[in-house]
Structures are given as structure tokens and as C-alpha cells.
């Protein structure tokens, strides 16, 4: 396994690891004393999911909330209609389809993160940092330091062992310059990002045509409470319509949209029509 993202300063209560086998990736997610393991099966449409050693069944379009062992936290698992898994933890949102892993850090914290996905300090100059906090010469050298050897993993080749030894022997250049100022800059950037996310909300648009409910197949920008549009632009938005003879389904989808949920399965529905809409290019608080 390789460490994709992990917390380093608070009791190591969060980590995401992955390894690749036969072109597919296996995941391990550690959150507040609990472990989620996800393995793709030979079938394209199935996953083996375990939570603290217990098998979890997750059907398409099903959501489950699982309580972790520590600090009263929980993890939410959701499987879309096109077999994409979304795992929401108190620290991140992990999107996974057996071949690609995306990690979006959602927790506003000054805690240092390490791993192949970077440290989330908004500075790309020090993304090739090793597990020991050193600047690595290459991304591959840094990746070797985040490798966790298990019995099921193949041994390193001789060439890679040499690279690993060279890294361990080279002078370690710690990232110390202006460390306190950098933390403050990161905190300010994260606060600004949070305010921007609160103002710029991505939501599906709703349109009623008689008794038929139609929903935009892609989310569009909508200004949050207390925010206003900096400027508007025209955008052609495709819509899918739900059957008028299935009011319960339409009501369920309408409730999801009003809660702000993103519904990727709408992309797979037949397009009913397109509409030119005035949507904000960006939103901000009036005082900013």
C-alpha cells in the first residue's frame, strides 16, 4: 500500500491508503479508530466492503452511515447508479470507481497532511515531500517513502531499493523557512476557501412543466445566503424529466436537490430539453 493522505499531528486518527493490483485499486481508510476496506471484485459492478471487519452490502443508489469507534464520528457511504463509491469522513470526501481515487479535503484544520496527494497547504513548490518531511528529488522517490509493505505486496526491485537508499543517505532538507508565516497563510487561505464555498454553491436547477418535474443534469452555481452574484453569464443547461406517473420518485428527487445533494445519475438519463440560463460566474459577500 501507499499512503495517499494522512493526518500527522493529532493521534494519527485519519489515513487513506491504496494499492494497485491487476489494474484496479484497493483502498484502506482509517478514521477515528475504525477501518474501512474496499476491494473491487472480478465483476465490474461489485465491491467487497468491510467496516471494522464486518462485511457491508451496498446496493446502487443506497446510502449508509457507519459510526466509528472513537470520538462519536461517523462515515457515510454512497454508491451511485453508475457504481461510483463516495466515502465521506470527518476529514475528507473520497471518490472511487476501482481505477481512480479522488480525495477532497473537507475539514478546515491547520493539521499537517502528508501523502502522495500532497499536504494541502496551497503551495505546489513542496509537494514532493517525503514521509520524513524532506524535499525529495523526484515524485517517485517521495512515493517510495510512503510505501507500506505487506505480505500481499510484491517486493521492491533492486533499482527501486537503490533509489530508496540514496534518498535515506542524502542530506535531508527540512521545510522550515517561514514555517509560522506559512501556517498563517494556509489558515487564511482555508478560511477564504470556506467563505467562497458557502457563497458559491453547486446545485441542480428545478423546472416544472405542468405536473412533470425536470432537473438539470449538471449542477449550476447558486449564491448562498447573504451572498450576491459578481456577474452573470448565459449557460446552456441540459435537463432530464421524471415520469409524471411516479410522484413519489419525483418528490424524493426534489427533496435531494433542495438539500443540495449532487446527483451524478442524472447524467445517464435521457435529455428532455436544453435551456439557456443566467447563472452567476461567481458569488461573494457584499462587503468583500
C-alpha atoms as a PDB file:
ATOM      1  CA  UNK A   1       0.000   0.000   0.000  1.00  0.00           C
ATOM      2  CA  UNK A   2       0.954   3.664  -0.455  1.00  0.00           C
ATOM      3  CA  UNK A   3      -0.232   6.454   1.837  1.00  0.00           C
ATOM      4  CA  UNK A   4      -2.375   8.858  -0.210  1.00  0.00           C
ATOM      5  CA  UNK A   5      -3.299  11.218   2.621  1.00  0.00           C
ATOM      6  CA  UNK A   6      -2.805  11.079   6.383  1.00  0.00           C
ATOM      7  CA  UNK A   7      -3.007  13.331   9.411  1.00  0.00           C
ATOM      8  CA  UNK A   8       0.304  13.682  11.228  1.00  0.00           C
ATOM      9  CA  UNK A   9      -0.328  15.818  14.294  1.00  0.00           C
ATOM     10  CA  UNK A  10      -3.467  14.527  16.016  1.00  0.00           C
ATOM     11  CA  UNK A  11      -3.090  10.926  17.184  1.00  0.00           C
ATOM     12  CA  UNK A  12      -2.921   9.627  13.584  1.00  0.00           C
ATOM     13  CA  UNK A  13      -6.707   9.292  13.514  1.00  0.00           C
ATOM     14  CA  UNK A  14      -7.078   9.654   9.729  1.00  0.00           C
ATOM     15  CA  UNK A  15      -5.339   7.996   6.772  1.00  0.00           C
ATOM     16  CA  UNK A  16      -6.172   6.835   3.245  1.00  0.00           C
ATOM     17  CA  UNK A  17      -4.032   4.075   1.703  1.00  0.00           C
ATOM     18  CA  UNK A  18      -4.247   2.393  -1.706  1.00  0.00           C
ATOM     19  CA  UNK A  19      -2.533  -0.281  -3.730  1.00  0.00           C
ATOM     20  CA  UNK A  20      -2.943  -1.392  -7.320  1.00  0.00           C
ATOM     21  CA  UNK A  21      -3.464  -4.982  -8.442  1.00  0.00           C
ATOM     22  CA  UNK A  22      -4.333  -6.074 -11.968  1.00  0.00           C
ATOM     23  CA  UNK A  23      -5.107  -2.500 -12.976  1.00  0.00           C
ATOM     24  CA  UNK A  24      -7.548  -1.923 -10.088  1.00  0.00           C
ATOM     25  CA  UNK A  25      -7.018  -0.187  -6.772  1.00  0.00           C
ATOM     26  CA  UNK A  26      -7.781  -1.420  -3.277  1.00  0.00           C
ATOM     27  CA  UNK A  27      -8.479   1.109  -0.535  1.00  0.00           C
ATOM     28  CA  UNK A  28      -7.944   1.243   3.214  1.00  0.00           C
ATOM     29  CA  UNK A  29      -9.377   4.200   5.125  1.00  0.00           C
ATOM     30  CA  UNK A  30      -8.625   4.695   8.822  1.00  0.00           C
ATOM     31  CA  UNK A  31     -10.932   7.096  10.682  1.00  0.00           C
ATOM     32  CA  UNK A  32     -11.158   7.638  14.450  1.00  0.00           C
ATOM     33  CA  UNK A  33     -10.186   4.100  15.417  1.00  0.00           C
ATOM     34  CA  UNK A  34     -12.145   2.365  12.651  1.00  0.00           C
ATOM     35  CA  UNK A  35     -11.031   0.841   9.332  1.00  0.00           C
ATOM     36  CA  UNK A  36     -12.856   0.694   6.001  1.00  0.00           C
ATOM     37  CA  UNK A  37     -11.509  -1.740   3.403  1.00  0.00           C
ATOM     38  CA  UNK A  38     -12.770  -1.642  -0.184  1.00  0.00           C
ATOM     39  CA  UNK A  39     -11.733  -4.175  -2.831  1.00  0.00           C
ATOM     40  CA  UNK A  40     -13.018  -4.415  -6.401  1.00  0.00           C
ATOM     41  CA  UNK A  41     -14.160  -7.887  -7.429  1.00  0.00           C
ATOM     42  CA  UNK A  42     -13.712  -9.592 -10.787  1.00  0.00           C
ATOM     43  CA  UNK A  43     -17.183  -8.340 -11.666  1.00  0.00           C
ATOM     44  CA  UNK A  44     -17.112  -4.755 -12.912  1.00  0.00           C
ATOM     45  CA  UNK A  45     -20.172  -3.848 -10.855  1.00  0.00           C
ATOM     46  CA  UNK A  46     -19.316  -5.231  -7.431  1.00  0.00           C
ATOM     47  CA  UNK A  47     -17.162  -4.229  -4.468  1.00  0.00           C
ATOM     48  CA  UNK A  48     -16.161  -6.004  -1.281  1.00  0.00           C
ATOM     49  CA  UNK A  49     -16.634  -3.503   1.546  1.00  0.00           C
ATOM     50  CA  UNK A  50     -15.651  -4.172   5.151  1.00  0.00           C
ATOM     51  CA  UNK A  51     -16.078  -1.870   8.134  1.00  0.00           C
ATOM     52  CA  UNK A  52     -14.091  -2.943  11.209  1.00  0.00           C
ATOM     53  CA  UNK A  53     -14.004  -6.493   9.820  1.00  0.00           C
ATOM     54  CA  UNK A  54     -17.757  -6.689   9.133  1.00  0.00           C
ATOM     55  CA  UNK A  55     -18.984  -7.152   5.551  1.00  0.00           C
ATOM     56  CA  UNK A  56     -21.120  -4.239   4.321  1.00  0.00           C
ATOM     57  CA  UNK A  57     -23.594  -4.664   1.464  1.00  0.00           C
ATOM     58  CA  UNK A  58     -24.254  -1.503  -0.542  1.00  0.00           C
ATOM     59  CA  UNK A  59     -26.697  -1.508  -3.443  1.00  0.00           C
ATOM     60  CA  UNK A  60     -26.825   1.070  -6.239  1.00  0.00           C
ATOM     61  CA  UNK A  61     -28.267   4.433  -5.121  1.00  0.00           C
ATOM     62  CA  UNK A  62     -28.024   3.300  -1.478  1.00  0.00           C
ATOM     63  CA  UNK A  63     -26.519   5.329   1.367  1.00  0.00           C
ATOM     64  CA  UNK A  64     -25.296   4.052   4.713  1.00  0.00           C
ATOM     65  CA  UNK A  65     -23.969   5.865   7.772  1.00  0.00           C
ATOM     66  CA  UNK A  66     -21.489   3.978   9.956  1.00  0.00           C
ATOM     67  CA  UNK A  67     -20.405   5.068  13.450  1.00  0.00           C
ATOM     68  CA  UNK A  68     -16.672   4.983  14.122  1.00  0.00           C
ATOM     69  CA  UNK A  69     -15.168   3.611  17.311  1.00  0.00           C
ATOM     70  CA  UNK A  70     -13.773   6.922  18.547  1.00  0.00           C
ATOM     71  CA  UNK A  71     -14.955  10.487  19.231  1.00  0.00           C
ATOM     72  CA  UNK A  72     -18.536   9.901  18.102  1.00  0.00           C
ATOM     73  CA  UNK A  73     -17.647  10.395  14.437  1.00  0.00           C
ATOM     74  CA  UNK A  74     -19.350   8.690  11.519  1.00  0.00           C
ATOM     75  CA  UNK A  75     -18.625   7.801   7.900  1.00  0.00           C
ATOM     76  CA  UNK A  76     -21.167   7.973   5.094  1.00  0.00           C
ATOM     77  CA  UNK A  77     -21.002   5.552   2.190  1.00  0.00           C
ATOM     78  CA  UNK A  78     -22.929   6.108  -1.019  1.00  0.00           C
ATOM     79  CA  UNK A  79     -22.946   4.096  -4.228  1.00  0.00           C
ATOM     80  CA  UNK A  80     -24.202   5.863  -7.350  1.00  0.00           C
ATOM     81  CA  UNK A  81     -26.210   4.320 -10.132  1.00  0.00           C
ATOM     82  CA  UNK A  82     -23.057   4.059 -12.272  1.00  0.00           C
ATOM     83  CA  UNK A  83     -21.085   2.268  -9.493  1.00  0.00           C
ATOM     84  CA  UNK A  84     -19.048   5.188  -8.188  1.00  0.00           C
ATOM     85  CA  UNK A  85     -18.435   4.976  -4.427  1.00  0.00           C
ATOM     86  CA  UNK A  86     -18.368   8.143  -2.323  1.00  0.00           C
ATOM     87  CA  UNK A  87     -16.990   7.830   1.222  1.00  0.00           C
ATOM     88  CA  UNK A  88     -17.490  10.921   3.378  1.00  0.00           C
ATOM     89  CA  UNK A  89     -15.393  11.101   6.551  1.00  0.00           C
ATOM     90  CA  UNK A  90     -14.987  13.937   9.075  1.00  0.00           C
ATOM     91  CA  UNK A  91     -11.761  14.798   7.228  1.00  0.00           C
ATOM     92  CA  UNK A  92     -12.370  14.209   3.536  1.00  0.00           C
ATOM     93  CA  UNK A  93     -14.570  13.026   0.709  1.00  0.00           C
ATOM     94  CA  UNK A  94     -13.120  10.029  -1.170  1.00  0.00           C
ATOM     95  CA  UNK A  95     -14.494   9.272  -4.648  1.00  0.00           C
ATOM     96  CA  UNK A  96     -13.606   5.836  -6.025  1.00  0.00           C
ATOM     97  CA  UNK A  97     -14.513   3.710  -9.040  1.00  0.00           C
ATOM     98  CA  UNK A  98     -11.958   0.866  -8.686  1.00  0.00           C
ATOM     99  CA  UNK A  99      -9.475   2.540 -11.068  1.00  0.00           C
ATOM    100  CA  UNK A 100      -9.373   6.174  -9.953  1.00  0.00           C
ATOM    101  CA  UNK A 101      -9.222   7.597  -6.408  1.00  0.00           C
ATOM    102  CA  UNK A 102     -10.002  11.272  -5.764  1.00  0.00           C
ATOM    103  CA  UNK A 103      -9.576  12.828  -2.311  1.00  0.00           C
ATOM    104  CA  UNK A 104     -11.126  16.164  -1.415  1.00  0.00           C
ATOM    105  CA  UNK A 105     -10.138  17.518   1.990  1.00  0.00           C
ATOM    106  CA  UNK A 106     -13.271  18.934   3.611  1.00  0.00           C
ATOM    107  CA  UNK A 107     -12.101  19.672   7.161  1.00  0.00           C
ATOM    108  CA  UNK A 108     -10.915  23.181   7.972  1.00  0.00           C
ATOM    109  CA  UNK A 109      -7.795  22.442  10.031  1.00  0.00           C
ATOM    110  CA  UNK A 110      -4.212  23.580  10.385  1.00  0.00           C
ATOM    111  CA  UNK A 111      -3.138  19.974  10.950  1.00  0.00           C
ATOM    112  CA  UNK A 112      -0.362  18.930   8.597  1.00  0.00           C
ATOM    113  CA  UNK A 113      -1.281  16.324   6.000  1.00  0.00           C
ATOM    114  CA  UNK A 114       1.196  14.039   4.266  1.00  0.00           C
ATOM    115  CA  UNK A 115       0.932  11.516   1.459  1.00  0.00           C
ATOM    116  CA  UNK A 116       1.043  11.117  -2.303  1.00  0.00           C
ATOM    117  CA  UNK A 117      -1.870  13.561  -2.691  1.00  0.00           C
ATOM    118  CA  UNK A 118       0.196  16.374  -1.144  1.00  0.00           C
ATOM    119  CA  UNK A 119      -0.057  18.399   2.037  1.00  0.00           C
ATOM    120  CA  UNK A 120      -2.961  20.746   1.120  1.00  0.00           C
ATOM    121  CA  UNK A 121      -1.005  23.874   2.009  1.00  0.00           C
ATOM    122  CA  UNK A 122      -1.906  25.550  -1.315  1.00  0.00           C
ATOM    123  CA  UNK A 123       1.818  25.634  -2.250  1.00  0.00           C
ATOM    124  CA  UNK A 124       2.839  23.337  -5.111  1.00  0.00           C
ATOM    125  CA  UNK A 125       6.562  24.031  -4.584  1.00  0.00           C
ATOM    126  CA  UNK A 126       6.834  21.496  -1.741  1.00  0.00           C
ATOM    127  CA  UNK A 127       4.503  18.759  -2.970  1.00  0.00           C
ATOM    128  CA  UNK A 128       7.371  16.237  -3.348  1.00  0.00           C
ATOM    129  CA  UNK A 129       7.894  15.897   0.402  1.00  0.00           C
ATOM    130  CA  UNK A 130       8.885  12.525   1.800  1.00  0.00           C
ATOM    131  CA  UNK A 131       7.278  10.818   4.782  1.00  0.00           C
ATOM    132  CA  UNK A 132      10.195  12.135   6.874  1.00  0.00           C
ATOM    133  CA  UNK A 133       9.454  15.747   5.895  1.00  0.00           C
ATOM    134  CA  UNK A 134      12.351  16.059   3.449  1.00  0.00           C
ATOM    135  CA  UNK A 135      12.316  17.509  -0.045  1.00  0.00           C
ATOM    136  CA  UNK A 136      12.648  14.548  -2.412  1.00  0.00           C
ATOM    137  CA  UNK A 137      14.434  14.841  -5.754  1.00  0.00           C
ATOM    138  CA  UNK A 138      11.568  13.207  -7.675  1.00  0.00           C
ATOM    139  CA  UNK A 139       7.930  12.285  -7.102  1.00  0.00           C
ATOM    140  CA  UNK A 140       8.877   8.592  -7.414  1.00  0.00           C
ATOM    141  CA  UNK A 141      11.478   8.917  -4.645  1.00  0.00           C
ATOM    142  CA  UNK A 142       8.897  10.581  -2.402  1.00  0.00           C
ATOM    143  CA  UNK A 143       6.365   7.842  -3.229  1.00  0.00           C
ATOM    144  CA  UNK A 144       8.782   5.132  -2.085  1.00  0.00           C
ATOM    145  CA  UNK A 145       8.868   6.659   1.417  1.00  0.00           C
ATOM    146  CA  UNK A 146       5.067   6.403   1.670  1.00  0.00           C
ATOM    147  CA  UNK A 147       5.101   2.690   0.822  1.00  0.00           C
ATOM    148  CA  UNK A 148       3.698   0.342   3.472  1.00  0.00           C
ATOM    149  CA  UNK A 149       4.991  -3.193   2.891  1.00  0.00           C
ATOM    150  CA  UNK A 150       2.553  -6.072   3.427  1.00  0.00           C
ATOM    151  CA  UNK A 151       2.802  -9.789   2.709  1.00  0.00           C
ATOM    152  CA  UNK A 152       0.439  -9.427  -0.233  1.00  0.00           C
ATOM    153  CA  UNK A 153       2.640  -6.730  -1.816  1.00  0.00           C
ATOM    154  CA  UNK A 154       5.435  -7.540  -4.222  1.00  0.00           C
ATOM    155  CA  UNK A 155       8.978  -6.744  -3.086  1.00  0.00           C
ATOM    156  CA  UNK A 156      10.783  -3.662  -4.391  1.00  0.00           C
ATOM    157  CA  UNK A 157      13.018  -4.142  -7.406  1.00  0.00           C
ATOM    158  CA  UNK A 158      16.773  -3.704  -6.892  1.00  0.00           C
ATOM    159  CA  UNK A 159      16.703  -0.406  -8.770  1.00  0.00           C
ATOM    160  CA  UNK A 160      13.990   0.995  -6.528  1.00  0.00           C
ATOM    161  CA  UNK A 161      15.826  -0.217  -3.417  1.00  0.00           C
ATOM    162  CA  UNK A 162      18.888   1.729  -4.555  1.00  0.00           C
ATOM    163  CA  UNK A 163      16.785   4.856  -5.044  1.00  0.00           C
ATOM    164  CA  UNK A 164      15.275   4.433  -1.594  1.00  0.00           C
ATOM    165  CA  UNK A 165      18.741   4.025  -0.034  1.00  0.00           C
ATOM    166  CA  UNK A 166      20.029   7.083  -1.896  1.00  0.00           C
ATOM    167  CA  UNK A 167      17.151   9.118  -0.514  1.00  0.00           C
ATOM    168  CA  UNK A 168      17.798   7.907   3.021  1.00  0.00           C
ATOM    169  CA  UNK A 169      21.503   8.741   2.719  1.00  0.00           C
ATOM    170  CA  UNK A 170      21.122  12.153   1.102  1.00  0.00           C
ATOM    171  CA  UNK A 171      21.143  15.310   3.168  1.00  0.00           C
ATOM    172  CA  UNK A 172      17.615  15.945   4.425  1.00  0.00           C
ATOM    173  CA  UNK A 173      16.482  19.473   3.699  1.00  0.00           C
ATOM    174  CA  UNK A 174      13.661  20.250   6.098  1.00  0.00           C
ATOM    175  CA  UNK A 175      10.971  22.699   5.109  1.00  0.00           C
ATOM    176  CA  UNK A 176      11.472  25.215   7.892  1.00  0.00           C
ATOM    177  CA  UNK A 177      11.741  28.623   6.265  1.00  0.00           C
ATOM    178  CA  UNK A 178       8.957  30.926   7.398  1.00  0.00           C
ATOM    179  CA  UNK A 179       7.028  27.972   8.824  1.00  0.00           C
ATOM    180  CA  UNK A 180       4.838  30.004  11.182  1.00  0.00           C
ATOM    181  CA  UNK A 181       4.028  32.535   8.485  1.00  0.00           C
ATOM    182  CA  UNK A 182       3.177  29.716   6.099  1.00  0.00           C
ATOM    183  CA  UNK A 183       0.731  28.211   8.613  1.00  0.00           C
ATOM    184  CA  UNK A 184      -0.996  31.569   8.998  1.00  0.00           C
ATOM    185  CA  UNK A 185      -1.162  31.930   5.219  1.00  0.00           C
ATOM    186  CA  UNK A 186      -2.661  28.450   4.923  1.00  0.00           C
ATOM    187  CA  UNK A 187      -5.249  29.192   7.608  1.00  0.00           C
ATOM    188  CA  UNK A 188      -6.257  32.431   5.886  1.00  0.00           C
ATOM    189  CA  UNK A 189      -6.469  30.649   2.541  1.00  0.00           C
ATOM    190  CA  UNK A 190      -8.627  27.912   4.067  1.00  0.00           C
ATOM    191  CA  UNK A 191     -10.938  30.466   5.690  1.00  0.00           C
ATOM    192  CA  UNK A 192     -11.252  32.293   2.365  1.00  0.00           C
ATOM    193  CA  UNK A 193     -11.958  28.973   0.654  1.00  0.00           C
ATOM    194  CA  UNK A 194     -14.659  28.152   3.206  1.00  0.00           C
ATOM    195  CA  UNK A 195     -16.343  31.529   2.681  1.00  0.00           C
ATOM    196  CA  UNK A 196     -16.108  31.047  -1.086  1.00  0.00           C
ATOM    197  CA  UNK A 197     -17.681  27.562  -0.833  1.00  0.00           C
ATOM    198  CA  UNK A 198     -20.518  28.934   1.323  1.00  0.00           C
ATOM    199  CA  UNK A 199     -21.194  31.644  -1.268  1.00  0.00           C
ATOM    200  CA  UNK A 200     -20.649  29.570  -4.417  1.00  0.00           C
ATOM    201  CA  UNK A 201     -22.928  26.572  -4.034  1.00  0.00           C
ATOM    202  CA  UNK A 202     -23.316  23.994  -6.783  1.00  0.00           C
ATOM    203  CA  UNK A 203     -26.931  22.855  -7.037  1.00  0.00           C
ATOM    204  CA  UNK A 204     -29.194  21.267  -9.619  1.00  0.00           C
ATOM    205  CA  UNK A 205     -31.857  23.551 -11.090  1.00  0.00           C
ATOM    206  CA  UNK A 206     -35.544  22.571 -10.880  1.00  0.00           C
ATOM    207  CA  UNK A 207     -38.154  23.309 -13.557  1.00  0.00           C
ATOM    208  CA  UNK A 208     -41.797  22.235 -13.509  1.00  0.00           C
ATOM    209  CA  UNK A 209     -43.690  21.619 -16.722  1.00  0.00           C
ATOM    210  CA  UNK A 210     -47.241  21.079 -15.578  1.00  0.00           C
ATOM    211  CA  UNK A 211     -47.101  18.035 -13.296  1.00  0.00           C
ATOM    212  CA  UNK A 212     -43.708  16.941 -14.633  1.00  0.00           C
ATOM    213  CA  UNK A 213     -40.563  17.722 -12.654  1.00  0.00           C
ATOM    214  CA  UNK A 214     -37.396  18.393 -14.645  1.00  0.00           C
ATOM    215  CA  UNK A 215     -33.915  18.642 -13.134  1.00  0.00           C
ATOM    216  CA  UNK A 216     -30.708  19.965 -14.662  1.00  0.00           C
ATOM    217  CA  UNK A 217     -28.384  17.076 -15.485  1.00  0.00           C
ATOM    218  CA  UNK A 218     -25.403  19.098 -14.245  1.00  0.00           C
ATOM    219  CA  UNK A 219     -25.291  21.349 -11.173  1.00  0.00           C
ATOM    220  CA  UNK A 220     -25.021  25.116 -11.676  1.00  0.00           C
ATOM    221  CA  UNK A 221     -23.647  27.870  -9.439  1.00  0.00           C
ATOM    222  CA  UNK A 222     -26.122  29.328  -6.950  1.00  0.00           C
ATOM    223  CA  UNK A 223     -25.343  32.118  -4.481  1.00  0.00           C
ATOM    224  CA  UNK A 224     -25.652  31.147  -0.808  1.00  0.00           C
ATOM    225  CA  UNK A 225     -27.448  33.116   1.908  1.00  0.00           C
ATOM    226  CA  UNK A 226     -26.095  36.635   2.333  1.00  0.00           C
ATOM    227  CA  UNK A 227     -24.097  36.431  -0.912  1.00  0.00           C
ATOM    228  CA  UNK A 228     -24.652  38.108  -4.251  1.00  0.00           C
ATOM    229  CA  UNK A 229     -23.505  37.463  -7.805  1.00  0.00           C
ATOM    230  CA  UNK A 230     -20.435  39.368  -9.001  1.00  0.00           C
ATOM    231  CA  UNK A 231     -21.650  38.955 -12.567  1.00  0.00           C
ATOM    232  CA  UNK A 232     -23.879  36.618 -14.571  1.00  0.00           C
ATOM    233  CA  UNK A 233     -23.362  34.672 -17.748  1.00  0.00           C
ATOM    234  CA  UNK A 234     -25.546  32.656 -20.086  1.00  0.00           C
ATOM    235  CA  UNK A 235     -25.145  28.900 -19.956  1.00  0.00           C
ATOM    236  CA  UNK A 236     -26.913  26.179 -21.919  1.00  0.00           C
ATOM    237  CA  UNK A 237     -28.051  23.622 -19.357  1.00  0.00           C
ATOM    238  CA  UNK A 238     -29.432  20.149 -20.238  1.00  0.00           C
ATOM    239  CA  UNK A 239     -32.468  18.870 -18.311  1.00  0.00           C
ATOM    240  CA  UNK A 240     -33.880  15.400 -17.637  1.00  0.00           C
ATOM    241  CA  UNK A 241     -37.554  14.983 -16.734  1.00  0.00           C
ATOM    242  CA  UNK A 242     -39.003  12.453 -14.314  1.00  0.00           C
ATOM    243  CA  UNK A 243     -42.127  10.465 -15.231  1.00  0.00           C
ATOM    244  CA  UNK A 244     -45.292  12.310 -14.196  1.00  0.00           C
ATOM    245  CA  UNK A 245     -46.902   8.998 -13.157  1.00  0.00           C
ATOM    246  CA  UNK A 246     -44.280   8.454 -10.444  1.00  0.00           C
ATOM    247  CA  UNK A 247     -44.902  11.328  -7.990  1.00  0.00           C
ATOM    248  CA  UNK A 248     -43.071   9.631  -5.104  1.00  0.00           C
ATOM    249  CA  UNK A 249     -39.869   9.363  -7.139  1.00  0.00           C
ATOM    250  CA  UNK A 250     -40.215  12.990  -8.244  1.00  0.00           C
ATOM    251  CA  UNK A 251     -40.739  14.137  -4.635  1.00  0.00           C
ATOM    252  CA  UNK A 252     -37.683  12.171  -3.469  1.00  0.00           C
ATOM    253  CA  UNK A 253     -35.501  13.765  -6.143  1.00  0.00           C
ATOM    254  CA  UNK A 254     -36.890  17.229  -5.419  1.00  0.00           C
ATOM    255  CA  UNK A 255     -36.032  16.847  -1.719  1.00  0.00           C
ATOM    256  CA  UNK A 256     -32.488  15.736  -2.590  1.00  0.00           C
ATOM    257  CA  UNK A 257     -31.991  18.747  -4.866  1.00  0.00           C
ATOM    258  CA  UNK A 258     -33.312  21.188  -2.257  1.00  0.00           C
ATOM    259  CA  UNK A 259     -30.887  19.692   0.296  1.00  0.00           C
ATOM    260  CA  UNK A 260     -28.047  20.483  -2.100  1.00  0.00           C
ATOM    261  CA  UNK A 261     -27.145  16.891  -2.992  1.00  0.00           C
ATOM    262  CA  UNK A 262     -25.235  16.291  -6.233  1.00  0.00           C
ATOM    263  CA  UNK A 263     -26.896  13.579  -8.314  1.00  0.00           C
ATOM    264  CA  UNK A 264     -24.437  12.112 -10.862  1.00  0.00           C
ATOM    265  CA  UNK A 265     -27.008   9.570 -12.069  1.00  0.00           C
ATOM    266  CA  UNK A 266     -28.902  12.408 -13.824  1.00  0.00           C
ATOM    267  CA  UNK A 267     -26.163  12.446 -16.473  1.00  0.00           C
ATOM    268  CA  UNK A 268     -27.207   8.931 -17.536  1.00  0.00           C
ATOM    269  CA  UNK A 269     -30.880   9.857 -18.003  1.00  0.00           C
ATOM    270  CA  UNK A 270     -32.313  10.853 -21.389  1.00  0.00           C
ATOM    271  CA  UNK A 271     -32.074  14.571 -22.074  1.00  0.00           C
ATOM    272  CA  UNK A 272     -35.541  16.114 -22.385  1.00  0.00           C
ATOM    273  CA  UNK A 273     -34.535  19.638 -23.406  1.00  0.00           C
ATOM    274  CA  UNK A 274     -31.896  22.348 -23.067  1.00  0.00           C
ATOM    275  CA  UNK A 275     -32.418  25.762 -21.533  1.00  0.00           C
ATOM    276  CA  UNK A 276     -30.395  28.965 -21.673  1.00  0.00           C
ATOM    277  CA  UNK A 277     -29.989  30.136 -18.083  1.00  0.00           C
ATOM    278  CA  UNK A 278     -28.490  33.200 -16.450  1.00  0.00           C
ATOM    279  CA  UNK A 279     -26.104  31.762 -13.850  1.00  0.00           C
ATOM    280  CA  UNK A 280     -23.591  33.587 -11.613  1.00  0.00           C
ATOM    281  CA  UNK A 281     -19.956  33.446 -12.697  1.00  0.00           C
ATOM    282  CA  UNK A 282     -19.068  33.817  -9.012  1.00  0.00           C
ATOM    283  CA  UNK A 283     -20.667  34.922  -5.744  1.00  0.00           C
ATOM    284  CA  UNK A 284     -19.282  36.828  -2.778  1.00  0.00           C
ATOM    285  CA  UNK A 285     -20.346  38.624   0.396  1.00  0.00           C
ATOM    286  CA  UNK A 286     -21.335  42.255  -0.396  1.00  0.00           C
ATOM    287  CA  UNK A 287     -18.584  43.586   1.877  1.00  0.00           C
ATOM    288  CA  UNK A 288     -15.783  41.692   0.094  1.00  0.00           C
END
